[in-house]
Structure formats: C-alpha cells, structure tokens
Amino acid sequence: MKALKQPRHGHLKASLALVAGVIGVCAVAPAHAGLGSEPLTAPQGATTEQSVVHAAASGASASAASNYTVRTTTLASGTVVNEYVSSAGTVFGISWRGPRMPDLSTLLGTYFPQYQQGLLAQRAARGGRGPVSVQDTGLVVRSGGHMGAFSGSAYLPPSLPAGVSASDIQ
C-alpha cells in the first residue's frame, strides 16, 4: 500500500497566500470622507441619523446664527461618531465615544498627516502614554480613554460656523 504524500510547506504557503489575495480583492473597503470634506460614508453594519442644530449667534443678531447638521453614526463596534456638518456640506468637527477607537486616518482625512506630526511631537516631549492633545492653528484633536472606553474630538478652528464654539463638538 502506498503512503499518501503530505503537501510540502511551500505549496501550503503559496495556497494560503493565493486565498488571502483573493479575499483581499473581494473585500471592497467602503468609501469614506473626512474632516474638511463631505461626511463619511457609513461602513457596513453601521447606522446613521441626522439632526439640524441652530447655532446661537454670539453677541450678534439672530440672523447671524448658522445652521449645521450633526450626523451620528454608530459603528458595528458600538463606537458612536458625531460629524458636525456646515450648511455647505463640509465636516468642520468630529467627536467619538465607545469601546473601540475609530479609524482616525479615515475620520481626519487629509488632516491625518498633520495629526501624526503633532502626535509625534507630543510623544517626544512627554512620553508615549496618556491622552492626546494636538493643537495647531488649523486643527485641534483631543483623544483619550482606556480599553473599552475611548472618546475624543477633532475640529477645524477656522471652519467653525458663526455661533459655534469648540465646546459644541462633543
């Protein structure tokens, strides 16, 4: 009786690589937008809702008040992301809270490299742990928490509509 040949490890690795490649091609990543752009396209398994907010004018007439929309997306992980969208359709602020950190590269969009630079500077100055606070003239990001409970916000100071303050981004 002939013994069955065991597959060689090289063939097994090649087969696994092929399967991983096919899965990678078949798994289409959802389209996203980010801070300073249009609102995020909700990823698979997420739910969204919107509400219009009327910002109070600071010290001026009520006609100077602006409307903006808060778009709330609950990710499949349970993390809630609020996008603050101007009447022109541009995201000027984002906040998040939940058991997992959202993908900041997606949420921050073209501002992500600026955030990374600020984060590296902060880590070099005070170490690699603790809450994050990156503040620049065009971008503010605050993030913190611990396993199972993360929260944060990001906004573009020059893009805040009339009557909207940083404390409104929550």
C-alpha atoms as a PDB file:
ATOM      1  CA  MET A   1       0.000   0.000   0.000  1.00  0.00           C
ATOM      2  CA  LYS A   2       1.365   3.404  -0.954  1.00  0.00           C
ATOM      3  CA  ALA A   3       1.695   6.074   1.675  1.00  0.00           C
ATOM      4  CA  LEU A   4      -0.086   9.327   0.973  1.00  0.00           C
ATOM      5  CA  LYS A   5       2.261  12.217   0.326  1.00  0.00           C
ATOM      6  CA  GLN A   6       1.943  15.146   2.653  1.00  0.00           C
ATOM      7  CA  PRO A   7       1.835  18.529   0.908  1.00  0.00           C
ATOM      8  CA  ARG A   8       5.011  20.499   1.108  1.00  0.00           C
ATOM      9  CA  HIS A   9       5.005  23.586   3.261  1.00  0.00           C
ATOM     10  CA  GLY A  10       5.943  25.716   0.274  1.00  0.00           C
ATOM     11  CA  HIS A  11       2.766  24.694  -1.541  1.00  0.00           C
ATOM     12  CA  LEU A  12       0.703  25.299   1.580  1.00  0.00           C
ATOM     13  CA  LYS A  13       2.148  28.795   1.979  1.00  0.00           C
ATOM     14  CA  ALA A  14       1.539  29.578  -1.692  1.00  0.00           C
ATOM     15  CA  SER A  15      -2.046  28.342  -1.416  1.00  0.00           C
ATOM     16  CA  LEU A  16      -2.680  30.428   1.686  1.00  0.00           C
ATOM     17  CA  ALA A  17      -1.173  33.483   0.015  1.00  0.00           C
ATOM     18  CA  LEU A  18      -3.436  32.969  -3.001  1.00  0.00           C
ATOM     19  CA  VAL A  19      -6.530  32.647  -0.780  1.00  0.00           C
ATOM     20  CA  ALA A  20      -5.544  35.772   1.167  1.00  0.00           C
ATOM     21  CA  GLY A  21      -5.064  37.652  -2.098  1.00  0.00           C
ATOM     22  CA  VAL A  22      -8.476  36.601  -3.404  1.00  0.00           C
ATOM     23  CA  ILE A  23     -10.141  37.595  -0.132  1.00  0.00           C
ATOM     24  CA  GLY A  24      -8.324  40.936  -0.220  1.00  0.00           C
ATOM     25  CA  VAL A  25      -9.560  41.631  -3.757  1.00  0.00           C
ATOM     26  CA  CYS A  26     -13.121  40.580  -2.921  1.00  0.00           C
ATOM     27  CA  ALA A  27     -13.311  42.643   0.281  1.00  0.00           C
ATOM     28  CA  VAL A  28     -14.050  46.121  -1.018  1.00  0.00           C
ATOM     29  CA  ALA A  29     -13.368  48.860   1.501  1.00  0.00           C
ATOM     30  CA  PRO A  30     -16.204  51.353   1.871  1.00  0.00           C
ATOM     31  CA  ALA A  31     -15.676  54.852   0.524  1.00  0.00           C
ATOM     32  CA  HIS A  32     -15.044  57.448   3.217  1.00  0.00           C
ATOM     33  CA  ALA A  33     -14.639  61.171   3.541  1.00  0.00           C
ATOM     34  CA  GLY A  34     -13.296  63.101   6.470  1.00  0.00           C
ATOM     35  CA  LEU A  35     -12.713  66.318   8.332  1.00  0.00           C
ATOM     36  CA  GLY A  36     -12.757  69.288   5.968  1.00  0.00           C
ATOM     37  CA  SER A  37     -14.615  67.271   3.347  1.00  0.00           C
ATOM     38  CA  GLU A  38     -18.021  65.651   2.965  1.00  0.00           C
ATOM     39  CA  PRO A  39     -19.474  63.355   5.654  1.00  0.00           C
ATOM     40  CA  LEU A  40     -18.246  59.811   6.000  1.00  0.00           C
ATOM     41  CA  THR A  41     -19.946  57.045   4.051  1.00  0.00           C
ATOM     42  CA  ALA A  42     -21.256  54.709   6.717  1.00  0.00           C
ATOM     43  CA  PRO A  43     -19.319  51.431   6.711  1.00  0.00           C
ATOM     44  CA  GLN A  44     -21.116  48.111   6.522  1.00  0.00           C
ATOM     45  CA  GLY A  45     -23.001  47.320   9.735  1.00  0.00           C
ATOM     46  CA  ALA A  46     -23.230  50.975  10.847  1.00  0.00           C
ATOM     47  CA  THR A  47     -26.366  53.013  11.441  1.00  0.00           C
ATOM     48  CA  THR A  48     -26.750  56.765  10.939  1.00  0.00           C
ATOM     49  CA  GLU A  49     -29.128  59.544  11.908  1.00  0.00           C
ATOM     50  CA  GLN A  50     -29.078  63.311  11.401  1.00  0.00           C
ATOM     51  CA  SER A  51     -30.334  66.334  13.276  1.00  0.00           C
ATOM     52  CA  VAL A  52     -30.240  70.015  12.350  1.00  0.00           C
ATOM     53  CA  VAL A  53     -28.875  72.332  15.006  1.00  0.00           C
ATOM     54  CA  HIS A  54     -29.339  76.084  15.146  1.00  0.00           C
ATOM     55  CA  ALA A  55     -26.204  77.733  16.490  1.00  0.00           C
ATOM     56  CA  ALA A  56     -26.710  80.795  18.648  1.00  0.00           C
ATOM     57  CA  ALA A  57     -25.068  83.933  17.393  1.00  0.00           C
ATOM     58  CA  SER A  58     -22.511  85.221  19.878  1.00  0.00           C
ATOM     59  CA  GLY A  59     -23.477  88.762  20.785  1.00  0.00           C
ATOM     60  CA  ALA A  60     -24.872  89.489  17.318  1.00  0.00           C
ATOM     61  CA  SER A  61     -28.328  89.385  15.858  1.00  0.00           C
ATOM     62  CA  ALA A  62     -30.210  86.128  15.453  1.00  0.00           C
ATOM     63  CA  SER A  63     -29.745  86.414  11.670  1.00  0.00           C
ATOM     64  CA  ALA A  64     -26.006  85.799  12.188  1.00  0.00           C
ATOM     65  CA  ALA A  65     -26.764  82.383  13.674  1.00  0.00           C
ATOM     66  CA  SER A  66     -25.978  79.428  11.447  1.00  0.00           C
ATOM     67  CA  ASN A  67     -27.496  76.026  10.962  1.00  0.00           C
ATOM     68  CA  TYR A  68     -25.414  72.902  10.934  1.00  0.00           C
ATOM     69  CA  THR A  69     -26.168  69.203  10.957  1.00  0.00           C
ATOM     70  CA  VAL A  70     -24.947  66.624  13.425  1.00  0.00           C
ATOM     71  CA  ARG A  71     -24.700  63.283  11.697  1.00  0.00           C
ATOM     72  CA  THR A  72     -24.432  60.421  14.196  1.00  0.00           C
ATOM     73  CA  THR A  73     -23.033  57.091  13.032  1.00  0.00           C
ATOM     74  CA  THR A  74     -22.963  54.070  15.311  1.00  0.00           C
ATOM     75  CA  LEU A  75     -20.255  51.719  14.058  1.00  0.00           C
ATOM     76  CA  ALA A  76     -20.614  47.943  14.251  1.00  0.00           C
ATOM     77  CA  SER A  77     -18.111  48.036  17.148  1.00  0.00           C
ATOM     78  CA  GLY A  78     -20.532  50.173  19.189  1.00  0.00           C
ATOM     79  CA  THR A  79     -18.450  53.333  18.845  1.00  0.00           C
ATOM     80  CA  VAL A  80     -20.552  56.434  18.145  1.00  0.00           C
ATOM     81  CA  VAL A  81     -19.124  59.058  15.764  1.00  0.00           C
ATOM     82  CA  ASN A  82     -20.707  62.519  15.511  1.00  0.00           C
ATOM     83  CA  GLU A  83     -19.899  64.571  12.431  1.00  0.00           C
ATOM     84  CA  TYR A  84     -20.625  68.290  12.548  1.00  0.00           C
ATOM     85  CA  VAL A  85     -21.519  69.381   9.021  1.00  0.00           C
ATOM     86  CA  SER A  86     -21.831  73.006   7.910  1.00  0.00           C
ATOM     87  CA  SER A  87     -24.723  74.221   5.775  1.00  0.00           C
ATOM     88  CA  ALA A  88     -22.284  73.999   2.827  1.00  0.00           C
ATOM     89  CA  GLY A  89     -21.937  70.238   3.436  1.00  0.00           C
ATOM     90  CA  THR A  90     -18.389  70.289   4.868  1.00  0.00           C
ATOM     91  CA  VAL A  91     -17.416  68.467   8.067  1.00  0.00           C
ATOM     92  CA  PHE A  92     -15.906  71.016  10.475  1.00  0.00           C
ATOM     93  CA  GLY A  93     -15.831  68.829  13.587  1.00  0.00           C
ATOM     94  CA  ILE A  94     -15.934  65.201  14.677  1.00  0.00           C
ATOM     95  CA  SER A  95     -16.356  63.508  18.046  1.00  0.00           C
ATOM     96  CA  TRP A  96     -16.332  59.866  19.082  1.00  0.00           C
ATOM     97  CA  ARG A  97     -17.011  57.721  22.124  1.00  0.00           C
ATOM     98  CA  GLY A  98     -17.212  53.996  22.603  1.00  0.00           C
ATOM     99  CA  PRO A  99     -15.477  50.720  23.280  1.00  0.00           C
ATOM    100  CA  ARG A 100     -13.075  50.971  20.316  1.00  0.00           C
ATOM    101  CA  MET A 101     -11.126  53.788  18.718  1.00  0.00           C
ATOM    102  CA  PRO A 102     -12.447  54.673  15.267  1.00  0.00           C
ATOM    103  CA  ASP A 103     -10.080  54.771  12.301  1.00  0.00           C
ATOM    104  CA  LEU A 104      -8.653  58.264  12.702  1.00  0.00           C
ATOM    105  CA  SER A 105      -6.990  58.174   9.290  1.00  0.00           C
ATOM    106  CA  THR A 106     -10.481  57.939   7.799  1.00  0.00           C
ATOM    107  CA  LEU A 107     -12.115  60.467  10.128  1.00  0.00           C
ATOM    108  CA  LEU A 108      -9.358  63.063   9.843  1.00  0.00           C
ATOM    109  CA  GLY A 109      -8.920  62.584   6.088  1.00  0.00           C
ATOM    110  CA  THR A 110      -6.322  64.934   4.638  1.00  0.00           C
ATOM    111  CA  TYR A 111      -5.585  66.275   8.156  1.00  0.00           C
ATOM    112  CA  PHE A 112      -4.295  62.898   9.364  1.00  0.00           C
ATOM    113  CA  PRO A 113      -0.603  63.612   8.477  1.00  0.00           C
ATOM    114  CA  GLN A 114      -0.815  66.911  10.415  1.00  0.00           C
ATOM    115  CA  TYR A 115      -2.276  64.985  13.377  1.00  0.00           C
ATOM    116  CA  GLN A 116       0.513  62.398  13.157  1.00  0.00           C
ATOM    117  CA  GLN A 117       3.177  65.109  13.227  1.00  0.00           C
ATOM    118  CA  GLY A 118       1.577  66.734  16.269  1.00  0.00           C
ATOM    119  CA  LEU A 119       1.247  63.354  17.966  1.00  0.00           C
ATOM    120  CA  LEU A 120       4.921  62.520  17.367  1.00  0.00           C
ATOM    121  CA  ALA A 121       5.940  65.899  18.811  1.00  0.00           C
ATOM    122  CA  GLN A 122       3.742  65.352  21.869  1.00  0.00           C
ATOM    123  CA  ARG A 123       5.067  61.822  22.437  1.00  0.00           C
ATOM    124  CA  ALA A 124       8.675  63.027  22.097  1.00  0.00           C
ATOM    125  CA  ALA A 125       8.040  65.776  24.649  1.00  0.00           C
ATOM    126  CA  ARG A 126       6.251  63.746  27.327  1.00  0.00           C
ATOM    127  CA  GLY A 127       6.381  60.058  26.509  1.00  0.00           C
ATOM    128  CA  GLY A 128       4.234  57.515  24.759  1.00  0.00           C
ATOM    129  CA  ARG A 129       1.238  57.215  27.058  1.00  0.00           C
ATOM    130  CA  GLY A 130      -1.710  59.260  28.174  1.00  0.00           C
ATOM    131  CA  PRO A 131      -4.315  61.384  26.473  1.00  0.00           C
ATOM    132  CA  VAL A 132      -3.577  63.069  23.165  1.00  0.00           C
ATOM    133  CA  SER A 133      -3.867  66.805  22.676  1.00  0.00           C
ATOM    134  CA  VAL A 134      -2.731  68.112  19.309  1.00  0.00           C
ATOM    135  CA  GLN A 135      -3.381  71.792  18.770  1.00  0.00           C
ATOM    136  CA  ASP A 136      -2.406  73.760  15.705  1.00  0.00           C
ATOM    137  CA  THR A 137      -3.852  76.870  14.115  1.00  0.00           C
ATOM    138  CA  GLY A 138      -5.831  74.782  11.623  1.00  0.00           C
ATOM    139  CA  LEU A 139      -6.519  71.578  13.585  1.00  0.00           C
ATOM    140  CA  VAL A 140      -7.343  70.570  17.153  1.00  0.00           C
ATOM    141  CA  VAL A 141      -7.549  66.891  18.199  1.00  0.00           C
ATOM    142  CA  ARG A 142      -8.160  65.599  21.707  1.00  0.00           C
ATOM    143  CA  SER A 143      -8.377  61.895  22.432  1.00  0.00           C
ATOM    144  CA  GLY A 144      -8.165  59.677  25.467  1.00  0.00           C
ATOM    145  CA  GLY A 145      -9.611  56.791  27.362  1.00  0.00           C
ATOM    146  CA  HIS A 146      -8.746  53.215  28.103  1.00  0.00           C
ATOM    147  CA  MET A 147      -9.629  49.773  26.791  1.00  0.00           C
ATOM    148  CA  GLY A 148     -13.384  49.643  26.343  1.00  0.00           C
ATOM    149  CA  ALA A 149     -13.979  53.388  26.825  1.00  0.00           C
ATOM    150  CA  PHE A 150     -12.441  55.773  24.299  1.00  0.00           C
ATOM    151  CA  SER A 151     -13.524  59.303  23.461  1.00  0.00           C
ATOM    152  CA  GLY A 152     -12.240  62.289  21.588  1.00  0.00           C
ATOM    153  CA  SER A 153     -12.915  65.148  19.257  1.00  0.00           C
ATOM    154  CA  ALA A 154     -11.334  66.953  16.358  1.00  0.00           C
ATOM    155  CA  TYR A 155     -12.253  70.227  14.720  1.00  0.00           C
ATOM    156  CA  LEU A 156     -11.006  72.886  12.349  1.00  0.00           C
ATOM    157  CA  PRO A 157     -10.948  76.233  14.230  1.00  0.00           C
ATOM    158  CA  PRO A 158     -11.068  78.406  11.084  1.00  0.00           C
ATOM    159  CA  SER A 159     -14.076  76.436   9.780  1.00  0.00           C
ATOM    160  CA  LEU A 160     -16.322  76.722  12.846  1.00  0.00           C
ATOM    161  CA  PRO A 161     -19.570  78.405  11.747  1.00  0.00           C
ATOM    162  CA  ALA A 162     -20.717  81.633  13.403  1.00  0.00           C
ATOM    163  CA  GLY A 163     -22.064  80.928  16.882  1.00  0.00           C
ATOM    164  CA  VAL A 164     -20.355  77.510  17.173  1.00  0.00           C
ATOM    165  CA  SER A 165     -17.580  77.019  19.731  1.00  0.00           C
ATOM    166  CA  ALA A 166     -15.146  74.206  20.379  1.00  0.00           C
ATOM    167  CA  SER A 167     -17.269  73.070  23.331  1.00  0.00           C
ATOM    168  CA  ASP A 168     -20.147  72.314  20.924  1.00  0.00           C
ATOM    169  CA  ILE A 169     -18.090  69.486  19.371  1.00  0.00           C
ATOM    170  CA  GLN A 170     -18.964  66.613  21.719  1.00  0.00           C
END
